[in-house]
PDB file of all heavy atoms in Angstrom:
ATOM      1  N   ILE A   1     113.821  91.563 107.327  1.00  0.00           N
ATOM      2  CA  ILE A   1     114.298  90.780 108.499  1.00  0.00           C
ATOM      3  C   ILE A   1     114.422  89.346 108.104  1.00  0.00           C
ATOM      4  O   ILE A   1     115.367  88.547 108.489  1.00  0.00           O
ATOM      5  CB  ILE A   1     113.441  91.034 109.693  1.00  0.00           C
ATOM      6  CG1 ILE A   1     113.646  92.506 110.254  1.00  0.00           C
ATOM      7  CG2 ILE A   1     113.843  90.023 110.869  1.00  0.00           C
ATOM      8  CD1 ILE A   1     112.731  92.886 111.405  1.00  0.00           C
ATOM      9  N   TRP A   2     113.423  88.802 107.426  1.00  0.00           N
ATOM     10  CA  TRP A   2     113.381  87.389 107.060  1.00  0.00           C
ATOM     11  C   TRP A   2     114.550  87.110 106.132  1.00  0.00           C
ATOM     12  O   TRP A   2     115.250  86.095 106.318  1.00  0.00           O
ATOM     13  CB  TRP A   2     112.063  87.090 106.350  1.00  0.00           C
ATOM     14  CG  TRP A   2     111.800  85.610 106.161  1.00  0.00           C
ATOM     15  CD1 TRP A   2     111.239  84.785 107.061  1.00  0.00           C
ATOM     16  CD2 TRP A   2     112.039  84.779 105.047  1.00  0.00           C
ATOM     17  NE1 TRP A   2     111.170  83.499 106.539  1.00  0.00           N
ATOM     18  CE2 TRP A   2     111.677  83.474 105.319  1.00  0.00           C
ATOM     19  CE3 TRP A   2     112.634  85.090 103.766  1.00  0.00           C
ATOM     20  CZ2 TRP A   2     111.841  82.433 104.406  1.00  0.00           C
ATOM     21  CZ3 TRP A   2     112.799  84.017 102.873  1.00  0.00           C
ATOM     22  CH2 TRP A   2     112.433  82.772 103.217  1.00  0.00           C
ATOM     23  N   VAL A   3     114.745  87.931 105.090  1.00  0.00           N
ATOM     24  CA  VAL A   3     115.883  87.697 104.167  1.00  0.00           C
ATOM     25  C   VAL A   3     117.191  87.758 104.900  1.00  0.00           C
ATOM     26  O   VAL A   3     118.106  86.883 104.737  1.00  0.00           O
ATOM     27  CB  VAL A   3     115.792  88.693 102.987  1.00  0.00           C
ATOM     28  CG1 VAL A   3     117.018  88.586 102.116  1.00  0.00           C
ATOM     29  CG2 VAL A   3     114.532  88.427 102.099  1.00  0.00           C
ATOM     30  N   LEU A   4     117.314  88.757 105.703  1.00  0.00           N
ATOM     31  CA  LEU A   4     118.617  88.956 106.532  1.00  0.00           C
ATOM     32  C   LEU A   4     118.837  87.768 107.415  1.00  0.00           C
ATOM     33  O   LEU A   4     120.004  87.318 107.513  1.00  0.00           O
ATOM     34  CB  LEU A   4     118.530  90.252 107.328  1.00  0.00           C
ATOM     35  CG  LEU A   4     119.744  90.626 108.148  1.00  0.00           C
ATOM     36  CD1 LEU A   4     120.938  90.863 107.157  1.00  0.00           C
ATOM     37  CD2 LEU A   4     119.531  91.849 108.964  1.00  0.00           C
ATOM     38  N   ALA A   5     117.688  87.230 108.049  1.00  0.00           N
ATOM     39  CA  ALA A   5     117.971  86.123 108.905  1.00  0.00           C
ATOM     40  C   ALA A   5     118.346  84.923 108.186  1.00  0.00           C
ATOM     41  O   ALA A   5     119.165  84.141 108.618  1.00  0.00           O
ATOM     42  CB  ALA A   5     116.600  85.850 109.669  1.00  0.00           C
ATOM     43  N   VAL A   6     117.775  84.693 107.009  1.00  0.00           N
ATOM     44  CA  VAL A   6     118.157  83.507 106.144  1.00  0.00           C
ATOM     45  C   VAL A   6     119.669  83.616 105.745  1.00  0.00           C
ATOM     46  O   VAL A   6     120.412  82.660 105.836  1.00  0.00           O
ATOM     47  CB  VAL A   6     117.270  83.469 104.877  1.00  0.00           C
ATOM     48  CG1 VAL A   6     117.879  82.407 103.921  1.00  0.00           C
ATOM     49  CG2 VAL A   6     115.842  83.107 105.202  1.00  0.00           C
ATOM     50  N   VAL A   7     120.086  84.849 105.327  1.00  0.00           N
ATOM     51  CA  VAL A   7     121.494  85.026 104.984  1.00  0.00           C
ATOM     52  C   VAL A   7     122.303  84.763 106.162  1.00  0.00           C
ATOM     53  O   VAL A   7     123.384  84.016 106.036  1.00  0.00           O
ATOM     54  CB  VAL A   7     121.642  86.417 104.461  1.00  0.00           C
ATOM     55  CG1 VAL A   7     123.177  86.660 104.234  1.00  0.00           C
ATOM     56  CG2 VAL A   7     120.881  86.592 103.126  1.00  0.00           C
ATOM     57  N   ILE A   8     122.016  85.392 107.300  1.00  0.00           N
ATOM     58  CA  ILE A   8     122.919  85.205 108.448  1.00  0.00           C
ATOM     59  C   ILE A   8     122.982  83.658 108.969  1.00  0.00           C
ATOM     60  O   ILE A   8     124.009  83.157 109.258  1.00  0.00           O
ATOM     61  CB  ILE A   8     122.412  86.033 109.677  1.00  0.00           C
ATOM     62  CG1 ILE A   8     122.600  87.490 109.280  1.00  0.00           C
ATOM     63  CG2 ILE A   8     123.140  85.812 110.905  1.00  0.00           C
ATOM     64  CD1 ILE A   8     122.046  88.524 110.302  1.00  0.00           C
ATOM     65  N   LEU A   9     121.755  83.063 108.932  1.00  0.00           N
ATOM     66  CA  LEU A   9     121.780  81.668 109.286  1.00  0.00           C
ATOM     67  C   LEU A   9     122.530  80.783 108.368  1.00  0.00           C
ATOM     68  O   LEU A   9     123.188  79.808 108.742  1.00  0.00           O
ATOM     69  CB  LEU A   9     120.287  81.189 109.384  1.00  0.00           C
ATOM     70  CG  LEU A   9     119.466  81.590 110.631  1.00  0.00           C
ATOM     71  CD1 LEU A   9     117.978  81.250 110.457  1.00  0.00           C
ATOM     72  CD2 LEU A   9     120.032  80.875 111.897  1.00  0.00           C
ATOM     73  N   ALA A  10     122.432  81.147 107.070  1.00  0.00           N
ATOM     74  CA  ALA A  10     123.204  80.397 106.004  1.00  0.00           C
ATOM     75  C   ALA A  10     124.674  80.515 106.289  1.00  0.00           C
ATOM     76  O   ALA A  10     125.398  79.503 106.167  1.00  0.00           O
ATOM     77  CB  ALA A  10     122.834  80.959 104.603  1.00  0.00           C
ATOM     78  N   ILE A  11     125.173  81.723 106.563  1.00  0.00           N
ATOM     79  CA  ILE A  11     126.594  81.883 106.867  1.00  0.00           C
ATOM     80  C   ILE A  11     126.977  81.144 108.138  1.00  0.00           C
ATOM     81  O   ILE A  11     128.019  80.436 108.136  1.00  0.00           O
ATOM     82  CB  ILE A  11     126.789  83.383 107.112  1.00  0.00           C
ATOM     83  CG1 ILE A  11     126.683  84.185 105.762  1.00  0.00           C
ATOM     84  CG2 ILE A  11     128.295  83.575 107.611  1.00  0.00           C
ATOM     85  CD1 ILE A  11     126.746  85.672 105.898  1.00  0.00           C
ATOM     86  N   ALA A  12     126.036  81.141 109.122  1.00  0.00           N
ATOM     87  CA  ALA A  12     126.350  80.464 110.371  1.00  0.00           C
ATOM     88  C   ALA A  12     126.463  78.894 110.119  1.00  0.00           C
ATOM     89  O   ALA A  12     127.399  78.251 110.672  1.00  0.00           O
ATOM     90  CB  ALA A  12     125.229  80.681 111.423  1.00  0.00           C
ATOM     91  N   PHE A  13     125.560  78.353 109.316  1.00  0.00           N
ATOM     92  CA  PHE A  13     125.561  76.941 109.137  1.00  0.00           C
ATOM     93  C   PHE A  13     126.697  76.586 108.264  1.00  0.00           C
ATOM     94  O   PHE A  13     127.334  75.468 108.311  1.00  0.00           O
ATOM     95  CB  PHE A  13     124.282  76.471 108.392  1.00  0.00           C
ATOM     96  CG  PHE A  13     123.157  76.271 109.362  1.00  0.00           C
ATOM     97  CD1 PHE A  13     122.031  77.070 109.429  1.00  0.00           C
ATOM     98  CD2 PHE A  13     123.228  75.281 110.363  1.00  0.00           C
ATOM     99  CE1 PHE A  13     121.008  76.886 110.263  1.00  0.00           C
ATOM    100  CE2 PHE A  13     122.162  75.027 111.267  1.00  0.00           C
ATOM    101  CZ  PHE A  13     121.077  75.811 111.230  1.00  0.00           C
ATOM    102  N   ALA A  14     127.174  77.459 107.336  1.00  0.00           N
ATOM    103  CA  ALA A  14     128.376  77.300 106.493  1.00  0.00           C
ATOM    104  C   ALA A  14     129.558  77.148 107.372  1.00  0.00           C
ATOM    105  O   ALA A  14     130.456  76.311 107.211  1.00  0.00           O
ATOM    106  CB  ALA A  14     128.519  78.356 105.445  1.00  0.00           C
ATOM    107  N   MET A  15     129.691  78.025 108.345  1.00  0.00           N
ATOM    108  CA  MET A  15     130.810  78.085 109.281  1.00  0.00           C
ATOM    109  C   MET A  15     130.768  76.777 110.093  1.00  0.00           C
ATOM    110  O   MET A  15     131.814  76.150 110.398  1.00  0.00           O
ATOM    111  CB  MET A  15     130.752  79.318 110.134  1.00  0.00           C
ATOM    112  CG  MET A  15     131.056  80.591 109.382  1.00  0.00           C
ATOM    113  SD  MET A  15     130.802  82.065 110.418  1.00  0.00           S
ATOM    114  CE  MET A  15     132.113  81.804 111.578  1.00  0.00           C
ATOM    115  N   ILE A  16     129.594  76.385 110.587  1.00  0.00           N
ATOM    116  CA  ILE A  16     129.510  75.252 111.509  1.00  0.00           C
ATOM    117  C   ILE A  16     129.842  73.992 110.712  1.00  0.00           C
ATOM    118  O   ILE A  16     130.567  73.106 111.156  1.00  0.00           O
ATOM    119  CB  ILE A  16     127.967  75.134 111.955  1.00  0.00           C
ATOM    120  CG1 ILE A  16     127.693  76.234 112.947  1.00  0.00           C
ATOM    121  CG2 ILE A  16     127.754  73.771 112.629  1.00  0.00           C
ATOM    122  CD1 ILE A  16     126.249  76.388 113.329  1.00  0.00           C
ATOM    123  N   SER A  17     129.392  73.795 109.436  1.00  0.00           N
ATOM    124  CA  SER A  17     129.651  72.673 108.665  1.00  0.00           C
ATOM    125  C   SER A  17     131.134  72.582 108.341  1.00  0.00           C
ATOM    126  O   SER A  17     131.756  71.492 108.299  1.00  0.00           O
ATOM    127  CB  SER A  17     128.888  72.684 107.385  1.00  0.00           C
ATOM    128  OG  SER A  17     129.210  73.811 106.523  1.00  0.00           O
ATOM    129  N   HIS A  18     131.851  73.751 108.148  1.00  0.00           N
ATOM    130  CA  HIS A  18     133.223  73.736 107.899  1.00  0.00           C
ATOM    131  C   HIS A  18     133.985  73.303 109.091  1.00  0.00           C
ATOM    132  O   HIS A  18     134.984  72.570 109.067  1.00  0.00           O
ATOM    133  CB  HIS A  18     133.685  75.153 107.459  1.00  0.00           C
ATOM    134  CG  HIS A  18     135.203  75.267 107.240  1.00  0.00           C
ATOM    135  ND1 HIS A  18     135.807  74.695 106.103  1.00  0.00           N
ATOM    136  CD2 HIS A  18     136.184  75.766 107.936  1.00  0.00           C
ATOM    137  CE1 HIS A  18     137.087  74.963 106.130  1.00  0.00           C
ATOM    138  NE2 HIS A  18     137.371  75.646 107.285  1.00  0.00           N
ATOM    139  N   GLU A  19     133.567  73.852 110.276  1.00  0.00           N
ATOM    140  CA  GLU A  19     134.147  73.423 111.568  1.00  0.00           C
ATOM    141  C   GLU A  19     134.026  72.011 111.857  1.00  0.00           C
ATOM    142  O   GLU A  19     134.895  71.357 112.402  1.00  0.00           O
ATOM    143  CB  GLU A  19     133.481  74.262 112.721  1.00  0.00           C
ATOM    144  CG  GLU A  19     134.000  73.935 114.089  1.00  0.00           C
ATOM    145  CD  GLU A  19     133.153  74.625 115.179  1.00  0.00           C
ATOM    146  OE1 GLU A  19     132.455  75.627 114.852  1.00  0.00           O
ATOM    147  OE2 GLU A  19     133.204  74.163 116.312  1.00  0.00           O
ATOM    148  N   ARG A  20     132.963  71.383 111.395  1.00  0.00           N
ATOM    149  CA  ARG A  20     132.590  69.983 111.644  1.00  0.00           C
ATOM    150  C   ARG A  20     133.018  69.038 110.449  1.00  0.00           C
ATOM    151  O   ARG A  20     132.515  67.969 110.487  1.00  0.00           O
ATOM    152  CB  ARG A  20     131.161  69.846 112.089  1.00  0.00           C
ATOM    153  CG  ARG A  20     130.816  70.598 113.256  1.00  0.00           C
ATOM    154  CD  ARG A  20     129.318  70.601 113.501  1.00  0.00           C
ATOM    155  NE  ARG A  20     128.746  69.344 113.682  1.00  0.00           N
ATOM    156  CZ  ARG A  20     127.484  69.109 113.653  1.00  0.00           C
ATOM    157  NH1 ARG A  20     126.551  70.074 113.504  1.00  0.00           N
ATOM    158  NH2 ARG A  20     126.981  67.859 113.749  1.00  0.00           N
ATOM    159  N   ALA A  21     133.782  69.464 109.594  1.00  0.00           N
ATOM    160  CA  ALA A  21     134.056  68.738 108.362  1.00  0.00           C
ATOM    161  C   ALA A  21     134.673  67.336 108.773  1.00  0.00           C
ATOM    162  O   ALA A  21     134.349  66.261 108.262  1.00  0.00           O
ATOM    163  CB  ALA A  21     134.991  69.485 107.507  1.00  0.00           C
ATOM    164  N   LYS A  22     135.675  67.354 109.760  1.00  0.00           N
ATOM    165  CA  LYS A  22     136.302  66.120 110.057  1.00  0.00           C
ATOM    166  C   LYS A  22     135.263  65.146 110.800  1.00  0.00           C
ATOM    167  O   LYS A  22     135.309  63.978 110.553  1.00  0.00           O
ATOM    168  CB  LYS A  22     137.484  66.392 111.139  1.00  0.00           C
ATOM    169  CG  LYS A  22     138.489  67.374 110.567  1.00  0.00           C
ATOM    170  CD  LYS A  22     139.165  66.733 109.378  1.00  0.00           C
ATOM    171  CE  LYS A  22     140.334  67.635 108.993  1.00  0.00           C
ATOM    172  NZ  LYS A  22     139.999  68.997 108.504  1.00  0.00           N
ATOM    173  N   GLU A  23     134.365  65.756 111.568  1.00  0.00           N
ATOM    174  CA  GLU A  23     133.314  64.972 112.150  1.00  0.00           C
ATOM    175  C   GLU A  23     132.503  64.244 111.099  1.00  0.00           C
ATOM    176  O   GLU A  23     132.248  63.014 111.252  1.00  0.00           O
ATOM    177  CB  GLU A  23     132.432  65.816 113.066  1.00  0.00           C
ATOM    178  CG  GLU A  23     131.198  65.146 113.623  1.00  0.00           C
ATOM    179  CD  GLU A  23     130.318  66.042 114.328  1.00  0.00           C
ATOM    180  OE1 GLU A  23     130.741  67.177 114.730  1.00  0.00           O
ATOM    181  OE2 GLU A  23     129.149  65.811 114.437  1.00  0.00           O
ATOM    182  N   PHE A  24     132.098  64.964 110.098  1.00  0.00           N
ATOM    183  CA  PHE A  24     131.312  64.349 109.030  1.00  0.00           C
ATOM    184  C   PHE A  24     132.073  63.349 108.271  1.00  0.00           C
ATOM    185  O   PHE A  24     131.532  62.315 107.784  1.00  0.00           O
ATOM    186  CB  PHE A  24     130.795  65.435 108.111  1.00  0.00           C
ATOM    187  CG  PHE A  24     129.815  66.429 108.773  1.00  0.00           C
ATOM    188  CD1 PHE A  24     129.946  67.874 108.473  1.00  0.00           C
ATOM    189  CD2 PHE A  24     128.806  65.988 109.632  1.00  0.00           C
ATOM    190  CE1 PHE A  24     129.044  68.696 109.077  1.00  0.00           C
ATOM    191  CE2 PHE A  24     127.962  66.810 110.147  1.00  0.00           C
ATOM    192  CZ  PHE A  24     128.039  68.267 109.919  1.00  0.00           C
ATOM    193  N   ALA A  25     133.347  63.607 108.085  1.00  0.00           N
ATOM    194  CA  ALA A  25     134.241  62.628 107.451  1.00  0.00           C
ATOM    195  C   ALA A  25     134.367  61.309 108.162  1.00  0.00           C
ATOM    196  O   ALA A  25     134.256  60.226 107.556  1.00  0.00           O
ATOM    197  CB  ALA A  25     135.663  63.207 107.151  1.00  0.00           C
ATOM    198  N   VAL A  26     134.484  61.382 109.536  1.00  0.00           N
ATOM    199  CA  VAL A  26     134.528  60.199 110.319  1.00  0.00           C
ATOM    200  C   VAL A  26     133.155  59.459 110.235  1.00  0.00           C
ATOM    201  O   VAL A  26     133.211  58.213 110.131  1.00  0.00           O
ATOM    202  CB  VAL A  26     134.805  60.637 111.762  1.00  0.00           C
ATOM    203  CG1 VAL A  26     134.657  59.396 112.729  1.00  0.00           C
ATOM    204  CG2 VAL A  26     136.223  61.148 111.877  1.00  0.00           C
ATOM    205  N   LEU A  27     132.096  60.184 110.238  1.00  0.00           N
ATOM    206  CA  LEU A  27     130.759  59.515 110.164  1.00  0.00           C
ATOM    207  C   LEU A  27     130.715  58.846 108.816  1.00  0.00           C
ATOM    208  O   LEU A  27     130.102  57.680 108.746  1.00  0.00           O
ATOM    209  CB  LEU A  27     129.645  60.494 110.290  1.00  0.00           C
ATOM    210  CG  LEU A  27     129.489  61.033 111.682  1.00  0.00           C
ATOM    211  CD1 LEU A  27     128.419  62.212 111.720  1.00  0.00           C
ATOM    212  CD2 LEU A  27     129.018  60.010 112.707  1.00  0.00           C
ATOM    213  N   ARG A  28     131.289  59.370 107.774  1.00  0.00           N
ATOM    214  CA  ARG A  28     131.167  58.710 106.431  1.00  0.00           C
ATOM    215  C   ARG A  28     131.972  57.482 106.487  1.00  0.00           C
ATOM    216  O   ARG A  28     131.544  56.389 105.971  1.00  0.00           O
ATOM    217  CB  ARG A  28     131.653  59.708 105.314  1.00  0.00           C
ATOM    218  CG  ARG A  28     130.785  60.760 105.015  1.00  0.00           C
ATOM    219  CD  ARG A  28     129.662  60.343 104.126  1.00  0.00           C
ATOM    220  NE  ARG A  28     130.143  60.074 102.752  1.00  0.00           N
ATOM    221  CZ  ARG A  28     130.040  58.913 102.089  1.00  0.00           C
ATOM    222  NH1 ARG A  28     129.370  57.904 102.705  1.00  0.00           N
ATOM    223  NH2 ARG A  28     130.430  58.641 100.942  1.00  0.00           N
ATOM    224  N   CYS A  29     133.185  57.562 107.122  1.00  0.00           N
ATOM    225  CA  CYS A  29     133.958  56.346 107.209  1.00  0.00           C
ATOM    226  C   CYS A  29     133.400  55.236 107.996  1.00  0.00           C
ATOM    227  O   CYS A  29     133.621  54.082 107.854  1.00  0.00           O
ATOM    228  CB  CYS A  29     135.367  56.661 107.805  1.00  0.00           C
ATOM    229  SG  CYS A  29     136.327  57.719 106.721  1.00  0.00           S
TER     230      CYS A  29
END
């Protein structure tokens, strides 16, 4: 369960970071 949760959370954060790419770019600017 721990390994599975890490994998699922990693996928979730990858999707979240992709969705917020423009937001992060604006913050960098």
